[in-house]
């Protein structure tokens, strides 16, 4: 890895870590209660309110910090719900092949034929609104993609000479997967997990934007963007702050995922 590439990786990782730490520390570092309504409706940015106030007089900076914690925690749970089952299903389909592989691959392809956000919308419509429902919905919508990537990566590794030798000698499938397959597919799977995280952040924000987040007063980046849209001409800072937060976070995550897949 060149010095320049290493520096770029550190910048991307540092930026993402800063956003995550600021969101986690929101209860400590936010200057105001994110739910506290005041008479300062649509107050512009000033020393008292660094990013201004929204229509209800709530501090945008405080809501941005707390909203980041909500958005990122939902996205992280969604990724876990996509990656863990997707990893198991992809390993099983890729390693054992045959009828099982054909059946699982057909299932993956069927799910992939439906837009992921549409799948997530269907789940939240059936399960109801709320953060947990959104996490499950987004996780399920990304499961097939991850399983398909795992399956393809496993099939590529199985043709390596030492893996074929281990199989021909009758080594246990679990041992082969743990010792030979997983170490060879870790990097591409981590890279795609980053892409999955980016998708989860965007989808969680989109579902909150559409009003499926449950409590409308709870701070969340997508919900804040929806609120800001209503007053954009009078107070553009209300929508600009969460919009930039989403954009910067997605750029950092995608940048790290892209570099991980290339390095």
Protein backbone atom coordinates (compact mmCIF):
# COMPACT_ATOMS: atom_id res chain seq x y z
CA UNK A 1 0.00 0.00 0.00
CA UNK A 2 1.44 3.37 -0.92
CA UNK A 3 1.84 6.20 1.56
CA UNK A 4 -0.79 8.23 -0.26
CA UNK A 5 -3.29 5.37 -0.19
CA UNK A 6 -2.60 4.77 3.49
CA UNK A 7 -3.15 8.45 4.24
CA UNK A 8 -6.44 8.43 2.34
CA UNK A 9 -7.58 5.36 4.27
CA UNK A 10 -6.75 7.04 7.58
CA UNK A 11 -8.67 10.16 6.58
CA UNK A 12 -11.73 8.15 5.57
CA UNK A 13 -11.60 5.98 8.67
CA UNK A 14 -10.97 8.97 10.94
CA UNK A 15 -13.89 10.90 9.46
CA UNK A 16 -16.26 7.98 9.89
CA UNK A 17 -15.01 7.32 13.42
CA UNK A 18 -15.58 10.99 14.29
CA UNK A 19 -19.20 10.82 13.11
CA UNK A 20 -19.82 7.60 15.03
CA UNK A 21 -18.20 8.89 18.23
CA UNK A 22 -20.09 12.20 18.04
CA UNK A 23 -23.35 10.31 17.63
CA UNK A 24 -22.59 7.96 20.52
CA UNK A 25 -21.61 10.90 22.73
CA UNK A 26 -24.72 12.90 21.81
CA UNK A 27 -26.23 12.77 25.33
CA UNK A 28 -23.02 14.31 26.69
CA UNK A 29 -22.00 16.83 24.04
CA UNK A 30 -25.34 18.08 22.69
CA UNK A 31 -26.06 21.54 24.14
CA UNK A 32 -29.84 21.12 24.30
CA UNK A 33 -32.52 18.50 24.78
CA UNK A 34 -33.32 17.39 21.20
CA UNK A 35 -37.03 17.21 22.05
CA UNK A 36 -37.28 20.55 23.88
CA UNK A 37 -39.52 22.99 22.02
CA UNK A 38 -38.90 26.72 22.39
CA UNK A 39 -40.26 29.98 21.03
CA UNK A 40 -37.23 30.33 18.72
CA UNK A 41 -38.98 28.83 15.70
CA UNK A 42 -36.73 28.72 12.62
CA UNK A 43 -34.02 30.73 14.35
CA UNK A 44 -31.01 31.08 12.01
CA UNK A 45 -27.58 29.71 12.94
CA UNK A 46 -25.89 31.76 15.66
CA UNK A 47 -23.58 31.16 18.65
CA UNK A 48 -26.53 29.90 20.72
CA UNK A 49 -27.75 27.52 18.00
CA UNK A 50 -24.83 26.55 15.77
CA UNK A 51 -27.09 25.07 13.07
CA UNK A 52 -30.20 27.08 13.86
CA UNK A 53 -33.57 25.85 15.11
CA UNK A 54 -36.38 23.97 13.40
CA UNK A 55 -40.07 24.84 13.12
CA UNK A 56 -40.74 23.78 16.72
CA UNK A 57 -37.78 25.77 18.01
CA UNK A 58 -35.66 22.68 18.66
CA UNK A 59 -31.88 22.98 18.32
CA UNK A 60 -30.84 21.43 14.98
CA UNK A 61 -27.29 20.61 16.12
CA UNK A 62 -28.56 18.65 19.13
CA UNK A 63 -31.09 16.82 17.00
CA UNK A 64 -28.42 16.07 14.39
CA UNK A 65 -26.20 14.41 16.99
CA UNK A 66 -29.01 12.35 18.52
CA UNK A 67 -30.41 11.61 15.07
CA UNK A 68 -27.06 10.20 13.98
CA UNK A 69 -27.13 7.75 16.87
CA UNK A 70 -30.58 6.56 15.83
CA UNK A 71 -29.81 6.31 12.11
CA UNK A 72 -26.46 4.57 12.56
CA UNK A 73 -27.72 2.12 15.19
CA UNK A 74 -30.62 1.10 12.94
CA UNK A 75 -28.20 0.71 10.02
CA UNK A 76 -25.76 -1.37 12.10
CA UNK A 77 -28.53 -3.71 13.25
CA UNK A 78 -29.75 -3.99 9.67
CA UNK A 79 -26.28 -4.95 8.47
CA UNK A 80 -26.06 -7.65 11.14
CA UNK A 81 -29.44 -9.01 10.01
CA UNK A 82 -28.19 -9.07 6.41
CA UNK A 83 -24.64 -10.28 6.90
CA UNK A 84 -25.00 -13.08 9.45
CA UNK A 85 -27.81 -15.07 7.77
CA UNK A 86 -26.46 -14.12 4.34
CA UNK A 87 -23.04 -15.47 5.26
CA UNK A 88 -24.44 -18.80 6.45
CA UNK A 89 -26.74 -19.24 3.45
CA UNK A 90 -24.03 -18.21 1.00
CA UNK A 91 -21.50 -20.61 2.52
CA UNK A 92 -23.97 -23.49 2.43
CA UNK A 93 -25.05 -22.81 -1.15
CA UNK A 94 -21.52 -22.25 -2.43
CA UNK A 95 -19.86 -25.19 -0.70
CA UNK A 96 -22.40 -27.98 -1.06
CA UNK A 97 -23.77 -27.08 -4.50
CA UNK A 98 -26.24 -29.41 -6.15
CA UNK A 99 -29.98 -29.13 -5.59
CA UNK A 100 -29.51 -27.08 -2.42
CA UNK A 101 -27.39 -24.53 -4.27
CA UNK A 102 -29.89 -24.36 -7.13
CA UNK A 103 -32.80 -23.83 -4.74
CA UNK A 104 -31.06 -21.16 -2.67
CA UNK A 105 -29.72 -19.38 -5.75
CA UNK A 106 -33.21 -19.31 -7.25
CA UNK A 107 -34.49 -17.81 -4.00
CA UNK A 108 -31.74 -15.18 -3.97
CA UNK A 109 -32.38 -14.25 -7.60
CA UNK A 110 -36.12 -13.97 -6.99
CA UNK A 111 -35.58 -11.60 -4.07
CA UNK A 112 -33.00 -9.60 -6.02
CA UNK A 113 -35.52 -9.10 -8.82
CA UNK A 114 -37.55 -6.95 -6.41
CA UNK A 115 -36.10 -3.51 -5.56
CA UNK A 116 -34.68 -3.58 -2.04
CA UNK A 117 -36.51 -0.47 -0.88
CA UNK A 118 -39.79 -1.98 -2.08
CA UNK A 119 -39.11 -5.09 0.01
CA UNK A 120 -38.36 -2.90 3.02
CA UNK A 121 -41.53 -0.89 2.46
CA UNK A 122 -43.61 -4.06 2.29
CA UNK A 123 -42.14 -5.28 5.58
CA UNK A 124 -42.78 -2.04 7.48
CA UNK A 125 -46.31 -1.84 6.08
CA UNK A 126 -46.99 -5.35 7.40
CA UNK A 127 -45.03 -5.07 10.66
CA UNK A 128 -45.85 -1.46 11.52
CA UNK A 129 -43.80 1.68 12.05
CA UNK A 130 -40.83 1.99 14.40
CA UNK A 131 -37.06 1.77 14.60
CA UNK A 132 -36.98 -1.99 15.21
CA UNK A 133 -39.32 -2.65 12.30
CA UNK A 134 -37.18 -0.51 10.00
CA UNK A 135 -34.02 -2.36 11.08
CA UNK A 136 -35.64 -5.72 10.34
CA UNK A 137 -37.08 -4.49 7.04
CA UNK A 138 -33.78 -3.09 5.77
CA UNK A 139 -31.90 -6.16 7.00
CA UNK A 140 -34.19 -8.54 5.16
CA UNK A 141 -34.02 -6.45 1.99
CA UNK A 142 -30.22 -6.76 1.91
CA UNK A 143 -29.91 -10.43 2.88
CA UNK A 144 -30.19 -11.89 -0.62
CA UNK A 145 -27.51 -9.58 -2.04
CA UNK A 146 -25.01 -10.53 0.62
CA UNK A 147 -25.77 -14.24 0.36
CA UNK A 148 -25.30 -14.08 -3.42
CA UNK A 149 -21.90 -12.41 -3.04
CA UNK A 150 -20.79 -14.96 -0.44
CA UNK A 151 -21.92 -17.84 -2.64
CA UNK A 152 -19.97 -16.52 -5.64
CA UNK A 153 -16.85 -15.94 -3.54
CA UNK A 154 -17.00 -19.46 -2.12
CA UNK A 155 -17.37 -21.02 -5.57
CA UNK A 156 -14.27 -19.14 -6.73
CA UNK A 157 -12.19 -20.41 -3.79
CA UNK A 158 -13.29 -24.04 -4.09
CA UNK A 159 -11.30 -24.47 -7.32
CA UNK A 160 -7.99 -23.60 -5.62
CA UNK A 161 -5.66 -26.64 -5.58
CA UNK A 162 -5.20 -26.87 -1.81
CA UNK A 163 -8.96 -26.59 -1.22
CA UNK A 164 -9.64 -29.33 -3.76
CA UNK A 165 -6.95 -31.45 -2.08
CA UNK A 166 -8.52 -30.99 1.34
CA UNK A 167 -11.92 -32.00 -0.01
CA UNK A 168 -10.52 -35.05 -1.80
CA UNK A 169 -8.83 -36.19 1.43
CA UNK A 170 -12.19 -36.15 3.18
CA UNK A 171 -11.61 -33.15 5.45
CA UNK A 172 -14.68 -32.02 7.37
CA UNK A 173 -16.65 -29.29 5.54
CA UNK A 174 -16.64 -27.08 8.63
CA UNK A 175 -12.86 -27.26 8.86
CA UNK A 176 -12.44 -26.49 5.17
CA UNK A 177 -14.75 -23.50 5.41
CA UNK A 178 -13.05 -22.12 8.51
CA UNK A 179 -9.42 -22.79 7.57
CA UNK A 180 -9.37 -22.41 3.80
CA UNK A 181 -12.49 -20.68 2.48
CA UNK A 182 -13.28 -17.89 4.94
CA UNK A 183 -9.70 -16.51 5.14
CA UNK A 184 -9.68 -16.15 1.35
CA UNK A 185 -13.00 -14.34 1.09
CA UNK A 186 -12.79 -12.08 4.15
CA UNK A 187 -11.63 -8.95 2.33
CA UNK A 188 -14.30 -8.91 -0.42
CA UNK A 189 -16.97 -9.76 2.14
CA UNK A 190 -15.87 -6.90 4.39
CA UNK A 191 -15.92 -4.58 1.39
CA UNK A 192 -19.45 -5.64 0.50
CA UNK A 193 -20.47 -5.30 4.14
CA UNK A 194 -19.43 -1.66 3.79
CA UNK A 195 -21.65 -1.32 0.73
CA UNK A 196 -24.44 -2.98 2.71
CA UNK A 197 -23.94 -0.47 5.53
CA UNK A 198 -24.19 2.40 3.06
CA UNK A 199 -27.41 0.95 1.66
CA UNK A 200 -28.76 0.47 5.20
CA UNK A 201 -28.07 4.08 6.19
CA UNK A 202 -29.76 5.37 3.05
CA UNK A 203 -32.74 3.03 3.40
CA UNK A 204 -33.25 3.76 7.10
CA UNK A 205 -33.20 7.48 6.38
CA UNK A 206 -35.58 7.02 3.43
CA UNK A 207 -38.11 5.07 5.49
CA UNK A 208 -38.00 7.69 8.24
CA UNK A 209 -38.39 10.37 5.57
CA UNK A 210 -41.54 8.60 4.40
CA UNK A 211 -42.94 8.58 7.94
CA UNK A 212 -42.37 4.97 9.00
CA UNK A 213 -40.12 5.82 11.94
CA UNK A 214 -42.81 5.78 14.60
CA UNK A 215 -42.58 8.80 16.92
CA UNK A 216 -42.36 11.81 14.58
CA UNK A 217 -40.65 13.94 17.24
CA UNK A 218 -37.74 11.50 17.66
CA UNK A 219 -34.57 12.89 16.04
CA UNK A 220 -33.39 10.95 12.99
CA UNK A 221 -31.63 12.18 9.88
CA UNK A 222 -34.31 11.13 7.38
CA UNK A 223 -37.14 12.47 9.54
CA UNK A 224 -35.25 15.75 9.99
CA UNK A 225 -34.86 15.99 6.23
CA UNK A 226 -38.62 15.54 5.82
CA UNK A 227 -39.29 18.29 8.37
CA UNK A 228 -36.79 20.59 6.70
CA UNK A 229 -38.38 20.09 3.30
CA UNK A 230 -41.54 21.81 4.53
CA UNK A 231 -39.68 25.01 5.46
CA UNK A 232 -36.80 24.86 2.99
CA UNK A 233 -37.39 28.29 1.45
CA UNK A 234 -37.70 30.06 4.80
CA UNK A 235 -35.06 28.06 6.71
CA UNK A 236 -32.81 25.97 4.44
CA UNK A 237 -30.50 25.04 7.35
CA UNK A 238 -33.14 22.70 8.80
CA UNK A 239 -32.86 20.34 5.81
CA UNK A 240 -29.26 21.14 4.89
CA UNK A 241 -27.76 19.77 8.11
CA UNK A 242 -29.20 16.23 7.95
CA UNK A 243 -28.78 16.15 4.18
CA UNK A 244 -25.07 16.88 4.48
CA UNK A 245 -24.72 14.40 7.35
CA UNK A 246 -26.22 11.61 5.25
CA UNK A 247 -24.15 12.54 2.19
CA UNK A 248 -20.83 12.77 4.02
CA UNK A 249 -21.42 9.52 5.91
CA UNK A 250 -22.30 7.66 2.71
CA UNK A 251 -19.22 9.03 0.94
CA UNK A 252 -16.96 7.94 3.80
CA UNK A 253 -18.46 4.44 4.01
CA UNK A 254 -18.40 3.93 0.25
CA UNK A 255 -14.85 5.27 0.05
CA UNK A 256 -13.64 2.80 2.67
CA UNK A 257 -15.50 -0.07 1.04
CA UNK A 258 -14.05 0.78 -2.37
CA UNK A 259 -10.50 0.99 -1.07
CA UNK A 260 -10.89 -2.25 0.86
CA UNK A 261 -12.02 -4.05 -2.29
CA UNK A 262 -9.07 -2.70 -4.31
CA UNK A 263 -6.22 -3.03 -1.80
